[in-house]
Amino acid sequence: MTRRPVGESAKARRNARRSRHRDEVFGNDLPDTTQDERGEDHNSISRSWYEEQRPPHYE
């Protein structure tokens, strides 16, 4: 069994406490997985939508 220096354990506890506090303050809105990892389809926009949104000077 490898012994860690005393300061390393205290540092790990301090980092964990800071991380919990940061999550309490700011929250964690990011998903654990991405759409690609979940297999969800992309919300595709049709070509006609792009053509309707094109500015008049762009012709």
PDB file of N, CA and C in Angstrom:
ATOM      1  N   MET A   1       0.846  -1.181   0.000  1.00  0.00           N
ATOM      2  CA  MET A   1       0.000   0.000   0.000  1.00  0.00           C
ATOM      3  C   MET A   1       0.891   1.243   0.000  1.00  0.00           C
ATOM      4  N   THR A   2       0.581   2.163  -0.885  1.00  0.00           N
ATOM      5  CA  THR A   2       1.363   3.389  -0.994  1.00  0.00           C
ATOM      6  C   THR A   2       0.798   4.444  -0.063  1.00  0.00           C
ATOM      7  N   ARG A   3       1.667   5.058   0.689  1.00  0.00           N
ATOM      8  CA  ARG A   3       1.214   6.115   1.589  1.00  0.00           C
ATOM      9  C   ARG A   3       1.354   7.451   0.883  1.00  0.00           C
ATOM     10  N   ARG A   4       0.314   8.251   0.997  1.00  0.00           N
ATOM     11  CA  ARG A   4       0.344   9.591   0.426  1.00  0.00           C
ATOM     12  C   ARG A   4       0.797  10.578   1.479  1.00  0.00           C
ATOM     13  N   PRO A   5       1.431  11.648   1.050  1.00  0.00           N
ATOM     14  CA  PRO A   5       1.764  12.699   2.012  1.00  0.00           C
ATOM     15  C   PRO A   5       0.483  13.275   2.613  1.00  0.00           C
ATOM     16  N   VAL A   6       0.562  13.723   3.838  1.00  0.00           N
ATOM     17  CA  VAL A   6      -0.601  14.242   4.542  1.00  0.00           C
ATOM     18  C   VAL A   6      -1.229  15.400   3.787  1.00  0.00           C
ATOM     19  N   GLY A   7      -0.455  16.275   3.217  1.00  0.00           N
ATOM     20  CA  GLY A   7      -0.953  17.446   2.507  1.00  0.00           C
ATOM     21  C   GLY A   7      -1.770  17.079   1.280  1.00  0.00           C
ATOM     22  N   GLU A   8      -1.461  15.961   0.635  1.00  0.00           N
ATOM     23  CA  GLU A   8      -2.177  15.555  -0.575  1.00  0.00           C
ATOM     24  C   GLU A   8      -3.623  15.191  -0.262  1.00  0.00           C
ATOM     25  N   SER A   9      -3.854  14.532   0.836  1.00  0.00           N
ATOM     26  CA  SER A   9      -5.203  14.174   1.247  1.00  0.00           C
ATOM     27  C   SER A   9      -6.015  15.423   1.584  1.00  0.00           C
ATOM     28  N   ALA A  10      -5.406  16.340   2.273  1.00  0.00           N
ATOM     29  CA  ALA A  10      -6.080  17.592   2.623  1.00  0.00           C
ATOM     30  C   ALA A  10      -6.388  18.389   1.359  1.00  0.00           C
ATOM     31  N   LYS A  11      -5.469  18.363   0.407  1.00  0.00           N
ATOM     32  CA  LYS A  11      -5.677  19.078  -0.844  1.00  0.00           C
ATOM     33  C   LYS A  11      -6.842  18.471  -1.627  1.00  0.00           C
ATOM     34  N   ALA A  12      -6.936  17.156  -1.652  1.00  0.00           N
ATOM     35  CA  ALA A  12      -8.035  16.482  -2.353  1.00  0.00           C
ATOM     36  C   ALA A  12      -9.377  16.829  -1.706  1.00  0.00           C
ATOM     37  N   ARG A  13      -9.424  16.845  -0.377  1.00  0.00           N
ATOM     38  CA  ARG A  13     -10.668  17.208   0.319  1.00  0.00           C
ATOM     39  C   ARG A  13     -11.045  18.657   0.035  1.00  0.00           C
ATOM     40  N   ARG A  14     -10.047  19.549   0.033  1.00  0.00           N
ATOM     41  CA  ARG A  14     -10.294  20.963  -0.238  1.00  0.00           C
ATOM     42  C   ARG A  14     -10.811  21.143  -1.667  1.00  0.00           C
ATOM     43  N   ASN A  15     -10.216  20.458  -2.631  1.00  0.00           N
ATOM     44  CA  ASN A  15     -10.671  20.554  -4.016  1.00  0.00           C
ATOM     45  C   ASN A  15     -12.093  20.027  -4.175  1.00  0.00           C
ATOM     46  N   ALA A  16     -12.418  18.935  -3.504  1.00  0.00           N
ATOM     47  CA  ALA A  16     -13.767  18.382  -3.573  1.00  0.00           C
ATOM     48  C   ALA A  16     -14.772  19.352  -2.963  1.00  0.00           C
ATOM     49  N   ARG A  17     -14.411  19.969  -1.845  1.00  0.00           N
ATOM     50  CA  ARG A  17     -15.295  20.934  -1.192  1.00  0.00           C
ATOM     51  C   ARG A  17     -15.518  22.150  -2.087  1.00  0.00           C
ATOM     52  N   ARG A  18     -14.459  22.636  -2.720  1.00  0.00           N
ATOM     53  CA  ARG A  18     -14.579  23.794  -3.626  1.00  0.00           C
ATOM     54  C   ARG A  18     -15.450  23.446  -4.832  1.00  0.00           C
ATOM     55  N   SER A  19     -15.289  22.238  -5.340  1.00  0.00           N
ATOM     56  CA  SER A  19     -16.084  21.808  -6.487  1.00  0.00           C
ATOM     57  C   SER A  19     -17.565  21.726  -6.121  1.00  0.00           C
ATOM     58  N   ARG A  20     -17.873  21.164  -4.954  1.00  0.00           N
ATOM     59  CA  ARG A  20     -19.275  21.096  -4.499  1.00  0.00           C
ATOM     60  C   ARG A  20     -19.855  22.490  -4.323  1.00  0.00           C
ATOM     61  N   HIS A  21     -19.075  23.390  -3.729  1.00  0.00           N
ATOM     62  CA  HIS A  21     -19.536  24.763  -3.515  1.00  0.00           C
ATOM     63  C   HIS A  21     -19.791  25.459  -4.850  1.00  0.00           C
ATOM     64  N   ARG A  22     -18.886  25.292  -5.799  1.00  0.00           N
ATOM     65  CA  ARG A  22     -19.047  25.901  -7.126  1.00  0.00           C
ATOM     66  C   ARG A  22     -20.318  25.373  -7.799  1.00  0.00           C
ATOM     67  N   ASP A  23     -20.585  24.071  -7.689  1.00  0.00           N
ATOM     68  CA  ASP A  23     -21.807  23.503  -8.264  1.00  0.00           C
ATOM     69  C   ASP A  23     -23.052  24.039  -7.569  1.00  0.00           C
ATOM     70  N   GLU A  24     -22.984  24.266  -6.258  1.00  0.00           N
ATOM     71  CA  GLU A  24     -24.127  24.830  -5.536  1.00  0.00           C
ATOM     72  C   GLU A  24     -24.413  26.252  -6.000  1.00  0.00           C
ATOM     73  N   VAL A  25     -23.365  27.031  -6.216  1.00  0.00           N
ATOM     74  CA  VAL A  25     -23.523  28.433  -6.608  1.00  0.00           C
ATOM     75  C   VAL A  25     -23.965  28.560  -8.055  1.00  0.00           C
ATOM     76  N   PHE A  26     -23.250  27.897  -8.952  1.00  0.00           N
ATOM     77  CA  PHE A  26     -23.493  28.081 -10.380  1.00  0.00           C
ATOM     78  C   PHE A  26     -24.379  27.000 -10.996  1.00  0.00           C
ATOM     79  N   GLY A  27     -24.517  25.900 -10.318  1.00  0.00           N
ATOM     80  CA  GLY A  27     -25.280  24.796 -10.882  1.00  0.00           C
ATOM     81  C   GLY A  27     -24.454  24.052 -11.912  1.00  0.00           C
ATOM     82  N   ASN A  28     -25.024  22.971 -12.392  1.00  0.00           N
ATOM     83  CA  ASN A  28     -24.349  22.176 -13.401  1.00  0.00           C
ATOM     84  C   ASN A  28     -25.358  21.910 -14.500  1.00  0.00           C
ATOM     85  N   ASP A  29     -25.460  22.838 -15.458  1.00  0.00           N
ATOM     86  CA  ASP A  29     -26.460  22.748 -16.511  1.00  0.00           C
ATOM     87  C   ASP A  29     -26.023  21.905 -17.694  1.00  0.00           C
ATOM     88  N   LEU A  30     -24.766  21.517 -17.736  1.00  0.00           N
ATOM     89  CA  LEU A  30     -24.291  20.742 -18.858  1.00  0.00           C
ATOM     90  C   LEU A  30     -24.727  19.283 -18.727  1.00  0.00           C
ATOM     91  N   PRO A  31     -25.187  18.698 -19.810  1.00  0.00           N
ATOM     92  CA  PRO A  31     -25.584  17.289 -19.744  1.00  0.00           C
ATOM     93  C   PRO A  31     -24.350  16.397 -19.591  1.00  0.00           C
ATOM     94  N   ASP A  32     -24.559  15.206 -19.071  1.00  0.00           N
ATOM     95  CA  ASP A  32     -23.452  14.261 -18.911  1.00  0.00           C
ATOM     96  C   ASP A  32     -23.017  13.685 -20.253  1.00  0.00           C
ATOM     97  N   THR A  33     -23.946  13.626 -21.206  1.00  0.00           N
ATOM     98  CA  THR A  33     -23.634  13.103 -22.532  1.00  0.00           C
ATOM     99  C   THR A  33     -24.114  14.078 -23.598  1.00  0.00           C
ATOM    100  N   THR A  34     -23.581  13.953 -24.788  1.00  0.00           N
ATOM    101  CA  THR A  34     -23.993  14.816 -25.891  1.00  0.00           C
ATOM    102  C   THR A  34     -25.099  14.146 -26.699  1.00  0.00           C
ATOM    103  N   GLN A  35     -25.722  14.899 -27.595  1.00  0.00           N
ATOM    104  CA  GLN A  35     -26.762  14.336 -28.453  1.00  0.00           C
ATOM    105  C   GLN A  35     -26.220  13.178 -29.265  1.00  0.00           C
ATOM    106  N   ASP A  36     -25.010  13.302 -29.752  1.00  0.00           N
ATOM    107  CA  ASP A  36     -24.418  12.235 -30.555  1.00  0.00           C
ATOM    108  C   ASP A  36     -24.267  10.956 -29.740  1.00  0.00           C
ATOM    109  N   GLU A  37     -23.859  11.088 -28.503  1.00  0.00           N
ATOM    110  CA  GLU A  37     -23.675   9.911 -27.657  1.00  0.00           C
ATOM    111  C   GLU A  37     -25.008   9.261 -27.304  1.00  0.00           C
ATOM    112  N   ARG A  38     -26.068  10.076 -27.220  1.00  0.00           N
ATOM    113  CA  ARG A  38     -27.394   9.540 -26.899  1.00  0.00           C
ATOM    114  C   ARG A  38     -28.124   9.024 -28.133  1.00  0.00           C
ATOM    115  N   GLY A  39     -27.601   9.323 -29.309  1.00  0.00           N
ATOM    116  CA  GLY A  39     -28.219   8.861 -30.539  1.00  0.00           C
ATOM    117  C   GLY A  39     -29.404   9.704 -30.976  1.00  0.00           C
ATOM    118  N   GLU A  40     -29.506  10.929 -30.475  1.00  0.00           N
ATOM    119  CA  GLU A  40     -30.615  11.793 -30.867  1.00  0.00           C
ATOM    120  C   GLU A  40     -30.310  12.444 -32.207  1.00  0.00           C
ATOM    121  N   ASP A  41     -31.358  12.664 -32.985  1.00  0.00           N
ATOM    122  CA  ASP A  41     -31.194  13.314 -34.279  1.00  0.00           C
ATOM    123  C   ASP A  41     -31.001  14.807 -34.092  1.00  0.00           C
ATOM    124  N   HIS A  42     -30.370  15.399 -35.081  1.00  0.00           N
ATOM    125  CA  HIS A  42     -30.192  16.849 -35.087  1.00  0.00           C
ATOM    126  C   HIS A  42     -31.486  17.508 -35.541  1.00  0.00           C
ATOM    127  N   ASN A  43     -31.726  18.697 -35.037  1.00  0.00           N
ATOM    128  CA  ASN A  43     -32.868  19.474 -35.509  1.00  0.00           C
ATOM    129  C   ASN A  43     -32.458  20.119 -36.819  1.00  0.00           C
ATOM    130  N   SER A  44     -32.850  19.511 -37.900  1.00  0.00           N
ATOM    131  CA  SER A  44     -32.414  20.024 -39.186  1.00  0.00           C
ATOM    132  C   SER A  44     -33.375  21.101 -39.678  1.00  0.00           C
ATOM    133  N   ILE A  45     -32.819  22.075 -40.331  1.00  0.00           N
ATOM    134  CA  ILE A  45     -33.600  23.156 -40.926  1.00  0.00           C
ATOM    135  C   ILE A  45     -33.523  22.952 -42.427  1.00  0.00           C
ATOM    136  N   SER A  46     -34.663  23.029 -43.062  1.00  0.00           N
ATOM    137  CA  SER A  46     -34.706  22.745 -44.492  1.00  0.00           C
ATOM    138  C   SER A  46     -34.051  23.865 -45.299  1.00  0.00           C
ATOM    139  N   ARG A  47     -33.695  23.530 -46.503  1.00  0.00           N
ATOM    140  CA  ARG A  47     -33.082  24.513 -47.405  1.00  0.00           C
ATOM    141  C   ARG A  47     -34.055  25.644 -47.698  1.00  0.00           C
ATOM    142  N   SER A  48     -35.342  25.352 -47.761  1.00  0.00           N
ATOM    143  CA  SER A  48     -36.322  26.409 -48.033  1.00  0.00           C
ATOM    144  C   SER A  48     -36.313  27.460 -46.923  1.00  0.00           C
ATOM    145  N   TRP A  49     -36.100  27.049 -45.684  1.00  0.00           N
ATOM    146  CA  TRP A  49     -36.035  28.012 -44.584  1.00  0.00           C
ATOM    147  C   TRP A  49     -34.864  28.969 -44.801  1.00  0.00           C
ATOM    148  N   TYR A  50     -33.715  28.418 -45.182  1.00  0.00           N
ATOM    149  CA  TYR A  50     -32.555  29.275 -45.446  1.00  0.00           C
ATOM    150  C   TYR A  50     -32.837  30.248 -46.591  1.00  0.00           C
ATOM    151  N   GLU A  51     -33.496  29.774 -47.632  1.00  0.00           N
ATOM    152  CA  GLU A  51     -33.807  30.645 -48.767  1.00  0.00           C
ATOM    153  C   GLU A  51     -34.788  31.740 -48.378  1.00  0.00           C
ATOM    154  N   GLU A  52     -35.734  31.437 -47.491  1.00  0.00           N
ATOM    155  CA  GLU A  52     -36.688  32.452 -47.027  1.00  0.00           C
ATOM    156  C   GLU A  52     -36.004  33.495 -46.149  1.00  0.00           C
ATOM    157  N   GLN A  53     -34.978  33.108 -45.446  1.00  0.00           N
ATOM    158  CA  GLN A  53     -34.285  34.007 -44.524  1.00  0.00           C
ATOM    159  C   GLN A  53     -33.174  34.808 -45.198  1.00  0.00           C
ATOM    160  N   ARG A  54     -32.870  34.506 -46.426  1.00  0.00           N
ATOM    161  CA  ARG A  54     -31.779  35.184 -47.127  1.00  0.00           C
ATOM    162  C   ARG A  54     -32.131  36.652 -47.359  1.00  0.00           C
ATOM    163  N   PRO A  55     -31.218  37.563 -47.035  1.00  0.00           N
ATOM    164  CA  PRO A  55     -31.491  38.997 -47.208  1.00  0.00           C
ATOM    165  C   PRO A  55     -31.604  39.354 -48.700  1.00  0.00           C
ATOM    166  N   PRO A  56     -32.363  40.424 -49.012  1.00  0.00           N
ATOM    167  CA  PRO A  56     -32.606  40.784 -50.408  1.00  0.00           C
ATOM    168  C   PRO A  56     -31.336  41.147 -51.179  1.00  0.00           C
ATOM    169  N   HIS A  57     -30.354  41.702 -50.540  1.00  0.00           N
ATOM    170  CA  HIS A  57     -29.132  42.098 -51.224  1.00  0.00           C
ATOM    171  C   HIS A  57     -28.230  40.897 -51.564  1.00  0.00           C
ATOM    172  N   TYR A  58     -28.631  39.727 -51.145  1.00  0.00           N
ATOM    173  CA  TYR A  58     -27.789  38.551 -51.321  1.00  0.00           C
ATOM    174  C   TYR A  58     -28.113  37.780 -52.600  1.00  0.00           C
ATOM    175  N   GLU A  59     -28.869  38.376 -53.489  1.00  0.00           N
ATOM    176  CA  GLU A  59     -29.255  37.656 -54.707  1.00  0.00           C
ATOM    177  C   GLU A  59     -28.387  37.942 -55.837  1.00  0.00           C
TER     178      GLU A  59
END
